[in-house]
Amino acid sequence: MSKRDIILAEIKQIPDSALEEVLDFVHFLKIKTVKKTLETTIASESSLKKDWLKPEEDQAWQDL
């Protein structure tokens, strides 16, 4: 049984009154994942930016 299957089985046993809290937590986890990806992208951009702004880079990409 996969972790996803185990989680779904557990959720099926949760009372309806707690489902809103479970949904909030799932949304939190999704946002956390997107935020982490975005932070990594921004960090990469700032470290690579100095190379992108070199005249050699402009020449290398001018024919595309």
N, C-alpha and C. Protein backbone atom coordinates (compact mmCIF):
# COMPACT_ATOMS: atom_id res chain seq x y z
N MET A 1 0.85 -1.19 0.00
CA MET A 1 0.00 0.00 0.00
C MET A 1 0.89 1.25 0.00
N SER A 2 0.62 2.17 -0.90
CA SER A 2 1.44 3.38 -0.99
C SER A 2 1.08 4.35 0.13
N LYS A 3 1.95 5.31 0.34
CA LYS A 3 1.68 6.33 1.36
C LYS A 3 0.42 7.10 1.04
N ARG A 4 0.20 7.36 -0.25
CA ARG A 4 -1.01 8.07 -0.68
C ARG A 4 -2.26 7.26 -0.29
N ASP A 5 -2.20 5.95 -0.52
CA ASP A 5 -3.33 5.09 -0.17
C ASP A 5 -3.58 5.07 1.34
N ILE A 6 -2.50 5.03 2.09
CA ILE A 6 -2.61 5.04 3.56
C ILE A 6 -3.23 6.35 4.04
N ILE A 7 -2.77 7.46 3.47
CA ILE A 7 -3.31 8.77 3.85
C ILE A 7 -4.80 8.85 3.51
N LEU A 8 -5.16 8.40 2.32
CA LEU A 8 -6.57 8.43 1.92
C LEU A 8 -7.43 7.56 2.84
N ALA A 9 -6.91 6.39 3.21
CA ALA A 9 -7.65 5.52 4.13
C ALA A 9 -7.83 6.19 5.49
N GLU A 10 -6.80 6.87 5.95
CA GLU A 10 -6.90 7.58 7.23
C GLU A 10 -7.91 8.72 7.15
N ILE A 11 -7.88 9.45 6.05
CA ILE A 11 -8.80 10.57 5.88
C ILE A 11 -10.25 10.08 5.89
N LYS A 12 -10.49 8.92 5.30
CA LYS A 12 -11.85 8.37 5.28
C LYS A 12 -12.39 8.10 6.68
N GLN A 13 -11.49 7.94 7.63
CA GLN A 13 -11.90 7.64 9.01
C GLN A 13 -12.06 8.90 9.87
N ILE A 14 -11.69 10.04 9.34
CA ILE A 14 -11.76 11.29 10.09
C ILE A 14 -13.22 11.78 10.11
N PRO A 15 -13.68 12.27 11.24
CA PRO A 15 -15.04 12.81 11.28
C PRO A 15 -15.17 14.05 10.39
N ASP A 16 -16.35 14.22 9.84
CA ASP A 16 -16.59 15.36 8.94
C ASP A 16 -16.23 16.69 9.58
N SER A 17 -16.38 16.79 10.88
CA SER A 17 -16.09 18.05 11.57
C SER A 17 -14.61 18.42 11.51
N ALA A 18 -13.74 17.46 11.23
CA ALA A 18 -12.30 17.74 11.17
C ALA A 18 -11.78 17.89 9.74
N LEU A 19 -12.62 17.66 8.76
CA LEU A 19 -12.16 17.69 7.37
C LEU A 19 -11.69 19.08 6.93
N GLU A 20 -12.30 20.12 7.44
CA GLU A 20 -11.87 21.48 7.09
C GLU A 20 -10.42 21.71 7.52
N GLU A 21 -10.09 21.22 8.69
CA GLU A 21 -8.71 21.36 9.18
C GLU A 21 -7.73 20.56 8.34
N VAL A 22 -8.14 19.37 7.92
CA VAL A 22 -7.30 18.55 7.05
C VAL A 22 -7.08 19.27 5.72
N LEU A 23 -8.13 19.82 5.17
CA LEU A 23 -8.03 20.55 3.91
C LEU A 23 -7.11 21.76 4.04
N ASP A 24 -7.22 22.48 5.14
CA ASP A 24 -6.32 23.62 5.39
C ASP A 24 -4.87 23.17 5.41
N PHE A 25 -4.61 22.03 6.03
CA PHE A 25 -3.24 21.52 6.12
C PHE A 25 -2.73 21.11 4.74
N VAL A 26 -3.57 20.48 3.94
CA VAL A 26 -3.17 20.10 2.59
C VAL A 26 -2.83 21.34 1.77
N HIS A 27 -3.65 22.39 1.89
CA HIS A 27 -3.36 23.64 1.19
C HIS A 27 -2.05 24.24 1.67
N PHE A 28 -1.80 24.19 2.96
CA PHE A 28 -0.54 24.69 3.52
C PHE A 28 0.65 23.95 2.90
N LEU A 29 0.56 22.63 2.80
CA LEU A 29 1.66 21.85 2.24
C LEU A 29 1.89 22.19 0.77
N LYS A 30 0.81 22.40 0.01
CA LYS A 30 0.96 22.76 -1.40
C LYS A 30 1.63 24.11 -1.54
N ILE A 31 1.22 25.08 -0.74
CA ILE A 31 1.81 26.41 -0.80
C ILE A 31 3.28 26.37 -0.39
N LYS A 32 3.58 25.57 0.62
CA LYS A 32 4.96 25.43 1.09
C LYS A 32 5.85 24.89 -0.03
N THR A 33 5.36 23.93 -0.79
CA THR A 33 6.12 23.35 -1.88
C THR A 33 6.35 24.37 -2.99
N VAL A 34 5.32 25.11 -3.35
CA VAL A 34 5.44 26.12 -4.39
C VAL A 34 6.40 27.22 -3.94
N LYS A 35 6.29 27.63 -2.69
CA LYS A 35 7.16 28.69 -2.17
C LYS A 35 8.62 28.26 -2.20
N LYS A 36 8.88 27.01 -1.83
CA LYS A 36 10.26 26.51 -1.84
C LYS A 36 10.82 26.50 -3.26
N THR A 37 10.01 26.07 -4.21
CA THR A 37 10.44 26.06 -5.61
C THR A 37 10.72 27.47 -6.10
N LEU A 38 9.85 28.39 -5.75
CA LEU A 38 10.03 29.79 -6.15
C LEU A 38 11.29 30.38 -5.54
N GLU A 39 11.54 30.11 -4.28
CA GLU A 39 12.75 30.62 -3.62
C GLU A 39 14.00 30.08 -4.29
N THR A 40 13.99 28.81 -4.67
CA THR A 40 15.14 28.22 -5.36
C THR A 40 15.35 28.88 -6.71
N THR A 41 14.26 29.13 -7.41
CA THR A 41 14.35 29.78 -8.72
C THR A 41 14.93 31.18 -8.59
N ILE A 42 14.47 31.92 -7.63
CA ILE A 42 14.96 33.29 -7.41
C ILE A 42 16.43 33.28 -7.03
N ALA A 43 16.82 32.35 -6.17
CA ALA A 43 18.23 32.26 -5.76
C ALA A 43 19.11 31.92 -6.96
N SER A 44 18.64 31.02 -7.80
CA SER A 44 19.40 30.65 -8.99
C SER A 44 19.55 31.84 -9.93
N GLU A 45 18.47 32.58 -10.10
CA GLU A 45 18.50 33.72 -11.01
C GLU A 45 19.51 34.76 -10.55
N SER A 46 19.51 35.06 -9.26
CA SER A 46 20.43 36.09 -8.78
C SER A 46 21.88 35.66 -8.88
N SER A 47 22.16 34.36 -8.72
CA SER A 47 23.54 33.91 -8.83
C SER A 47 23.99 33.79 -10.29
N LEU A 48 23.05 33.50 -11.19
CA LEU A 48 23.41 33.39 -12.60
C LEU A 48 23.35 34.71 -13.35
N LYS A 49 22.68 35.69 -12.77
CA LYS A 49 22.47 36.97 -13.44
C LYS A 49 23.78 37.61 -13.88
N LYS A 50 24.80 37.52 -13.06
CA LYS A 50 26.08 38.16 -13.41
C LYS A 50 26.67 37.56 -14.68
N ASP A 51 26.45 36.27 -14.93
CA ASP A 51 26.93 35.66 -16.17
C ASP A 51 26.04 36.03 -17.35
N TRP A 52 24.74 36.13 -17.12
CA TRP A 52 23.81 36.47 -18.19
C TRP A 52 24.05 37.86 -18.74
N LEU A 53 24.56 38.76 -17.92
CA LEU A 53 24.72 40.14 -18.34
C LEU A 53 26.05 40.42 -19.04
N LYS A 54 26.86 39.40 -19.27
CA LYS A 54 28.15 39.58 -19.93
C LYS A 54 27.93 39.75 -21.44
N PRO A 55 28.75 40.57 -22.08
CA PRO A 55 28.65 40.74 -23.54
C PRO A 55 28.83 39.42 -24.29
N GLU A 56 29.65 38.52 -23.77
CA GLU A 56 29.86 37.23 -24.42
C GLU A 56 28.55 36.44 -24.51
N GLU A 57 27.72 36.55 -23.49
CA GLU A 57 26.43 35.87 -23.50
C GLU A 57 25.52 36.45 -24.58
N ASP A 58 25.52 37.75 -24.70
CA ASP A 58 24.70 38.39 -25.76
C ASP A 58 25.14 37.90 -27.14
N GLN A 59 26.43 37.79 -27.34
CA GLN A 59 26.93 37.33 -28.62
C GLN A 59 26.55 35.87 -28.86
N ALA A 60 26.65 35.07 -27.84
CA ALA A 60 26.35 33.65 -27.98
C ALA A 60 24.89 33.40 -28.34
N TRP A 61 24.00 34.25 -27.89
CA TRP A 61 22.56 34.02 -28.08
C TRP A 61 21.95 34.90 -29.18
N GLN A 62 22.74 35.73 -29.82
CA GLN A 62 22.17 36.70 -30.77
C GLN A 62 21.52 36.06 -32.00
N ASP A 63 21.93 34.87 -32.39
CA ASP A 63 21.40 34.24 -33.59
C ASP A 63 20.17 33.35 -33.30
N LEU A 64 19.72 33.31 -32.12
CA LEU A 64 18.56 32.46 -31.81
C LEU A 64 17.26 33.19 -31.97
